[in-house]
């Protein structure tokens, strides 16, 4: 599956990136994610449909302020996790609400929080 972008009101959700236009790795490091292959693994998981992840971003700068992940369980459910950089908990909450709706209506899965 190709990554799906989601509009979450004041926040924009997109796939994680590390390219010449946008590099989420510095913001991920602030969130404790230091694996240099993290973004590549998340991209591969979209293609394999084993894990879906979104960067919750400031819409004017595309800066990652939180991350949301969804892992399908194979039984019609999907676990949802997320974290936010300090001061961005409202962005995470708005993103989680939108991702839950997408998981239910777009993928037909019942979301469960981890």
N, C-alpha and C. Protein backbone atom coordinates (compact mmCIF):
# COMPACT_ATOMS: atom_id res chain seq x y z
N UNK A 1 0.85 -1.17 0.00
CA UNK A 1 0.00 0.00 0.00
C UNK A 1 0.89 1.23 0.00
N UNK A 2 0.48 2.23 -0.74
CA UNK A 2 1.17 3.51 -0.72
C UNK A 2 0.77 4.27 0.54
N UNK A 3 1.66 5.06 1.12
CA UNK A 3 1.30 5.86 2.30
C UNK A 3 0.12 6.79 2.01
N UNK A 4 -0.74 6.91 3.00
CA UNK A 4 -1.93 7.75 2.91
C UNK A 4 -1.71 9.02 3.74
N UNK A 5 -1.97 10.17 3.15
CA UNK A 5 -1.89 11.43 3.88
C UNK A 5 -3.26 11.71 4.49
N UNK A 6 -3.24 12.32 5.68
CA UNK A 6 -4.48 12.60 6.41
C UNK A 6 -4.45 14.05 6.89
N UNK A 7 -5.56 14.74 6.71
CA UNK A 7 -5.72 16.08 7.26
C UNK A 7 -6.39 15.93 8.62
N UNK A 8 -5.72 16.41 9.65
CA UNK A 8 -6.27 16.32 11.01
C UNK A 8 -6.56 17.72 11.54
N UNK A 9 -7.29 18.51 10.78
CA UNK A 9 -7.62 19.86 11.21
C UNK A 9 -6.40 20.77 11.13
N UNK A 10 -5.88 21.16 12.28
CA UNK A 10 -4.72 22.05 12.32
C UNK A 10 -3.41 21.33 12.04
N UNK A 11 -3.46 20.02 11.89
CA UNK A 11 -2.25 19.22 11.70
C UNK A 11 -2.35 18.40 10.42
N UNK A 12 -1.20 18.09 9.87
CA UNK A 12 -1.10 17.35 8.62
C UNK A 12 -0.34 16.06 8.90
N UNK A 13 -0.88 14.92 8.49
CA UNK A 13 -0.24 13.63 8.71
C UNK A 13 0.25 13.09 7.37
N UNK A 14 1.51 12.68 7.35
CA UNK A 14 2.13 12.14 6.14
C UNK A 14 3.10 11.04 6.52
N UNK A 15 3.60 10.34 5.53
CA UNK A 15 4.61 9.31 5.77
C UNK A 15 5.90 9.97 6.26
N UNK A 16 6.67 9.22 7.02
CA UNK A 16 7.98 9.70 7.45
C UNK A 16 8.86 9.86 6.23
N UNK A 17 9.76 10.86 6.29
CA UNK A 17 10.63 11.13 5.15
C UNK A 17 12.06 11.39 5.59
N UNK A 18 12.98 11.07 4.71
CA UNK A 18 14.40 11.41 4.87
C UNK A 18 14.96 11.53 3.47
N UNK A 19 14.71 12.68 2.85
CA UNK A 19 15.16 12.90 1.48
C UNK A 19 15.71 14.32 1.36
N UNK A 20 15.94 14.76 0.13
CA UNK A 20 16.54 16.08 -0.06
C UNK A 20 15.58 17.23 0.21
N UNK A 21 14.29 16.95 0.35
CA UNK A 21 13.31 18.01 0.64
C UNK A 21 12.91 18.06 2.11
N UNK A 22 12.69 16.90 2.71
CA UNK A 22 12.28 16.82 4.12
C UNK A 22 13.06 15.70 4.79
N UNK A 23 13.62 16.01 5.95
CA UNK A 23 14.35 15.00 6.71
C UNK A 23 13.80 14.98 8.13
N UNK A 24 13.05 13.93 8.45
CA UNK A 24 12.45 13.81 9.77
C UNK A 24 13.41 13.29 10.83
N UNK A 25 14.58 12.84 10.44
CA UNK A 25 15.49 12.20 11.40
C UNK A 25 15.89 13.10 12.57
N UNK A 26 16.16 14.40 12.39
CA UNK A 26 16.47 15.22 13.57
C UNK A 26 15.31 15.29 14.57
N UNK A 27 14.09 15.43 14.07
CA UNK A 27 12.93 15.46 14.96
C UNK A 27 12.70 14.10 15.61
N UNK A 28 12.93 13.03 14.87
CA UNK A 28 12.81 11.69 15.46
C UNK A 28 13.82 11.50 16.58
N UNK A 29 15.02 12.01 16.39
CA UNK A 29 16.06 11.93 17.44
C UNK A 29 15.59 12.63 18.70
N UNK A 30 14.93 13.78 18.55
CA UNK A 30 14.38 14.48 19.72
C UNK A 30 13.34 13.62 20.43
N UNK A 31 12.69 12.74 19.70
CA UNK A 31 11.70 11.83 20.29
C UNK A 31 12.30 10.53 20.77
N UNK A 32 13.63 10.41 20.70
CA UNK A 32 14.31 9.21 21.18
C UNK A 32 14.54 8.14 20.14
N UNK A 33 14.19 8.42 18.88
CA UNK A 33 14.38 7.45 17.80
C UNK A 33 15.71 7.77 17.12
N UNK A 34 16.72 6.93 17.34
CA UNK A 34 18.05 7.21 16.83
C UNK A 34 18.52 6.25 15.75
N UNK A 35 17.74 5.25 15.42
CA UNK A 35 18.10 4.27 14.39
C UNK A 35 18.17 4.97 13.03
N UNK A 36 19.34 4.96 12.36
CA UNK A 36 19.45 5.65 11.07
C UNK A 36 18.60 5.02 9.96
N UNK A 37 18.18 3.78 10.12
CA UNK A 37 17.35 3.10 9.12
C UNK A 37 15.86 3.13 9.45
N UNK A 38 15.48 3.86 10.48
CA UNK A 38 14.10 3.88 10.94
C UNK A 38 13.12 4.30 9.84
N UNK A 39 13.42 5.40 9.15
CA UNK A 39 12.51 5.91 8.12
C UNK A 39 12.39 4.90 6.98
N UNK A 40 13.49 4.30 6.57
CA UNK A 40 13.46 3.30 5.50
C UNK A 40 12.64 2.08 5.91
N UNK A 41 12.78 1.64 7.16
CA UNK A 41 11.99 0.50 7.63
C UNK A 41 10.52 0.83 7.68
N UNK A 42 10.18 2.03 8.09
CA UNK A 42 8.77 2.44 8.12
C UNK A 42 8.19 2.50 6.71
N UNK A 43 8.97 2.94 5.75
CA UNK A 43 8.51 2.97 4.35
C UNK A 43 8.27 1.55 3.84
N UNK A 44 9.19 0.65 4.14
CA UNK A 44 9.04 -0.74 3.72
C UNK A 44 7.81 -1.38 4.35
N UNK A 45 7.53 -1.04 5.59
CA UNK A 45 6.36 -1.61 6.28
C UNK A 45 5.06 -1.17 5.62
N UNK A 46 5.00 0.06 5.10
CA UNK A 46 3.82 0.50 4.34
C UNK A 46 3.63 -0.43 3.15
N UNK A 47 4.71 -0.65 2.40
CA UNK A 47 4.63 -1.48 1.20
C UNK A 47 4.21 -2.90 1.53
N UNK A 48 4.67 -3.42 2.67
CA UNK A 48 4.34 -4.78 3.10
C UNK A 48 3.01 -4.86 3.83
N UNK A 49 2.44 -3.70 4.16
CA UNK A 49 1.19 -3.58 4.91
C UNK A 49 1.27 -4.25 6.28
N UNK A 50 2.45 -4.15 6.91
CA UNK A 50 2.65 -4.71 8.24
C UNK A 50 2.62 -3.65 9.34
N UNK A 51 2.84 -2.41 8.97
CA UNK A 51 2.81 -1.29 9.93
C UNK A 51 2.63 -0.01 9.14
N UNK A 52 1.73 0.83 9.61
CA UNK A 52 1.49 2.12 8.97
C UNK A 52 1.90 3.20 9.95
N UNK A 53 2.66 4.18 9.49
CA UNK A 53 3.10 5.24 10.40
C UNK A 53 2.90 6.60 9.75
N UNK A 54 2.65 7.56 10.60
CA UNK A 54 2.45 8.93 10.15
C UNK A 54 3.29 9.89 10.97
N UNK A 55 3.87 10.84 10.28
CA UNK A 55 4.48 11.99 10.93
C UNK A 55 3.36 13.01 11.09
N UNK A 56 3.11 13.43 12.32
CA UNK A 56 2.14 14.50 12.57
C UNK A 56 2.93 15.79 12.44
N UNK A 57 2.52 16.64 11.50
CA UNK A 57 3.35 17.78 11.14
C UNK A 57 2.66 19.12 11.28
N UNK A 58 3.47 20.11 11.52
CA UNK A 58 3.06 21.51 11.43
C UNK A 58 2.80 21.76 9.95
N UNK A 59 1.60 22.18 9.55
CA UNK A 59 1.29 22.27 8.13
C UNK A 59 2.07 23.33 7.36
N UNK A 60 2.53 24.37 8.02
CA UNK A 60 3.24 25.42 7.28
C UNK A 60 4.71 25.10 7.06
N UNK A 61 5.29 24.26 7.92
CA UNK A 61 6.72 23.95 7.79
C UNK A 61 6.98 22.48 7.49
N UNK A 62 5.99 21.62 7.64
CA UNK A 62 6.11 20.16 7.48
C UNK A 62 7.00 19.53 8.55
N UNK A 63 7.28 20.26 9.63
CA UNK A 63 8.11 19.74 10.71
C UNK A 63 7.36 18.69 11.51
N UNK A 64 7.99 17.53 11.72
CA UNK A 64 7.42 16.45 12.51
C UNK A 64 7.36 16.87 13.98
N UNK A 65 6.16 16.78 14.57
CA UNK A 65 6.00 17.10 15.99
C UNK A 65 5.53 15.89 16.79
N UNK A 66 5.07 14.85 16.09
CA UNK A 66 4.62 13.62 16.74
C UNK A 66 4.63 12.50 15.70
N UNK A 67 4.53 11.29 16.18
CA UNK A 67 4.44 10.14 15.27
C UNK A 67 3.35 9.20 15.76
N UNK A 68 2.60 8.65 14.81
CA UNK A 68 1.56 7.68 15.12
C UNK A 68 1.84 6.42 14.30
N UNK A 69 1.71 5.27 14.95
CA UNK A 69 1.92 4.00 14.28
C UNK A 69 0.73 3.09 14.46
N UNK A 70 0.43 2.31 13.43
CA UNK A 70 -0.68 1.35 13.45
C UNK A 70 -0.15 0.00 12.97
N UNK A 71 -0.40 -1.02 13.77
CA UNK A 71 0.02 -2.37 13.40
C UNK A 71 -1.19 -3.28 13.34
N UNK A 72 -1.56 -3.74 12.13
CA UNK A 72 -2.67 -4.69 12.00
C UNK A 72 -2.33 -6.00 12.72
N UNK A 73 -3.32 -6.57 13.39
CA UNK A 73 -3.09 -7.79 14.18
C UNK A 73 -3.47 -9.06 13.43
N UNK A 74 -4.16 -8.96 12.32
CA UNK A 74 -4.56 -10.15 11.59
C UNK A 74 -5.90 -10.71 12.02
N UNK A 75 -6.51 -10.12 13.05
CA UNK A 75 -7.80 -10.59 13.54
C UNK A 75 -8.89 -9.52 13.39
N UNK A 76 -8.64 -8.56 12.50
CA UNK A 76 -9.61 -7.48 12.30
C UNK A 76 -9.38 -6.29 13.21
N UNK A 77 -8.32 -6.34 14.01
CA UNK A 77 -7.99 -5.21 14.87
C UNK A 77 -6.64 -4.65 14.46
N UNK A 78 -6.33 -3.48 14.98
CA UNK A 78 -5.03 -2.85 14.76
C UNK A 78 -4.66 -2.07 16.01
N UNK A 79 -3.42 -2.26 16.47
CA UNK A 79 -2.97 -1.49 17.63
C UNK A 79 -2.45 -0.14 17.16
N UNK A 80 -2.70 0.86 17.98
CA UNK A 80 -2.30 2.22 17.66
C UNK A 80 -1.39 2.73 18.77
N UNK A 81 -0.25 3.28 18.36
CA UNK A 81 0.68 3.87 19.31
C UNK A 81 1.04 5.27 18.83
N UNK A 82 1.60 6.06 19.71
CA UNK A 82 2.05 7.39 19.31
C UNK A 82 2.87 8.05 20.39
N UNK A 83 3.63 9.02 19.97
CA UNK A 83 4.43 9.82 20.89
C UNK A 83 4.49 11.23 20.32
N UNK A 84 4.74 12.19 21.19
CA UNK A 84 4.84 13.58 20.76
C UNK A 84 6.09 14.23 21.36
N UNK A 85 6.64 15.15 20.61
CA UNK A 85 7.73 15.95 21.15
C UNK A 85 7.15 16.83 22.26
N UNK A 86 7.99 17.27 23.19
CA UNK A 86 7.49 18.10 24.29
C UNK A 86 6.70 19.32 23.78
N UNK A 87 5.51 19.50 24.37
CA UNK A 87 4.65 20.62 24.01
C UNK A 87 3.68 20.35 22.87
N UNK A 88 3.73 19.15 22.28
CA UNK A 88 2.90 18.85 21.12
C UNK A 88 1.88 17.75 21.38
N UNK A 89 1.52 17.51 22.61
CA UNK A 89 0.51 16.50 22.93
C UNK A 89 -0.82 16.78 22.22
N UNK A 90 -1.26 18.05 22.11
CA UNK A 90 -2.51 18.29 21.36
C UNK A 90 -2.43 17.84 19.90
N UNK A 91 -1.28 17.96 19.28
CA UNK A 91 -1.12 17.50 17.89
C UNK A 91 -1.26 15.99 17.83
N UNK A 92 -0.67 15.30 18.79
CA UNK A 92 -0.78 13.84 18.84
C UNK A 92 -2.23 13.43 19.02
N UNK A 93 -2.95 14.05 19.93
CA UNK A 93 -4.35 13.70 20.17
C UNK A 93 -5.21 13.92 18.93
N UNK A 94 -5.00 15.05 18.25
CA UNK A 94 -5.77 15.32 17.03
C UNK A 94 -5.44 14.28 15.96
N UNK A 95 -4.17 13.94 15.84
CA UNK A 95 -3.76 12.94 14.88
C UNK A 95 -4.33 11.57 15.18
N UNK A 96 -4.33 11.18 16.45
CA UNK A 96 -4.87 9.89 16.85
C UNK A 96 -6.35 9.77 16.49
N UNK A 97 -7.09 10.83 16.71
CA UNK A 97 -8.52 10.83 16.37
C UNK A 97 -8.72 10.58 14.87
N UNK A 98 -7.95 11.27 14.05
CA UNK A 98 -8.08 11.11 12.60
C UNK A 98 -7.61 9.74 12.14
N UNK A 99 -6.53 9.24 12.72
CA UNK A 99 -6.03 7.91 12.32
C UNK A 99 -7.03 6.83 12.71
N UNK A 100 -7.64 6.95 13.89
CA UNK A 100 -8.66 5.96 14.29
C UNK A 100 -9.79 5.91 13.27
N UNK A 101 -10.24 7.09 12.84
CA UNK A 101 -11.32 7.13 11.84
C UNK A 101 -10.87 6.48 10.54
N UNK A 102 -9.64 6.74 10.11
CA UNK A 102 -9.13 6.14 8.88
C UNK A 102 -9.02 4.62 9.02
N UNK A 103 -8.52 4.16 10.13
CA UNK A 103 -8.35 2.72 10.34
C UNK A 103 -9.70 2.01 10.25
N UNK A 104 -10.72 2.62 10.86
CA UNK A 104 -12.05 2.01 10.83
C UNK A 104 -12.69 2.09 9.45
N UNK A 105 -12.75 3.28 8.87
CA UNK A 105 -13.47 3.44 7.61
C UNK A 105 -12.64 3.09 6.39
N UNK A 106 -11.36 3.38 6.40
CA UNK A 106 -10.52 3.12 5.25
C UNK A 106 -9.98 1.72 5.15
N UNK A 107 -9.67 1.12 6.31
CA UNK A 107 -9.08 -0.21 6.31
C UNK A 107 -10.01 -1.28 6.87
N UNK A 108 -11.13 -0.86 7.45
CA UNK A 108 -12.07 -1.83 8.00
C UNK A 108 -11.56 -2.55 9.23
N UNK A 109 -10.66 -1.93 9.97
CA UNK A 109 -10.09 -2.54 11.17
C UNK A 109 -10.64 -1.86 12.42
N UNK A 110 -10.70 -2.61 13.50
CA UNK A 110 -11.13 -2.06 14.78
C UNK A 110 -9.88 -1.64 15.55
N UNK A 111 -9.73 -0.32 15.78
CA UNK A 111 -8.53 0.16 16.46
C UNK A 111 -8.54 -0.15 17.96
N UNK A 112 -7.39 -0.56 18.45
CA UNK A 112 -7.19 -0.76 19.89
C UNK A 112 -5.90 -0.02 20.25
N UNK A 113 -5.92 0.71 21.35
CA UNK A 113 -4.73 1.46 21.77
C UNK A 113 -3.78 0.54 22.52
N UNK A 114 -2.50 0.75 22.29
CA UNK A 114 -1.48 -0.03 22.99
C UNK A 114 -0.96 0.73 24.18
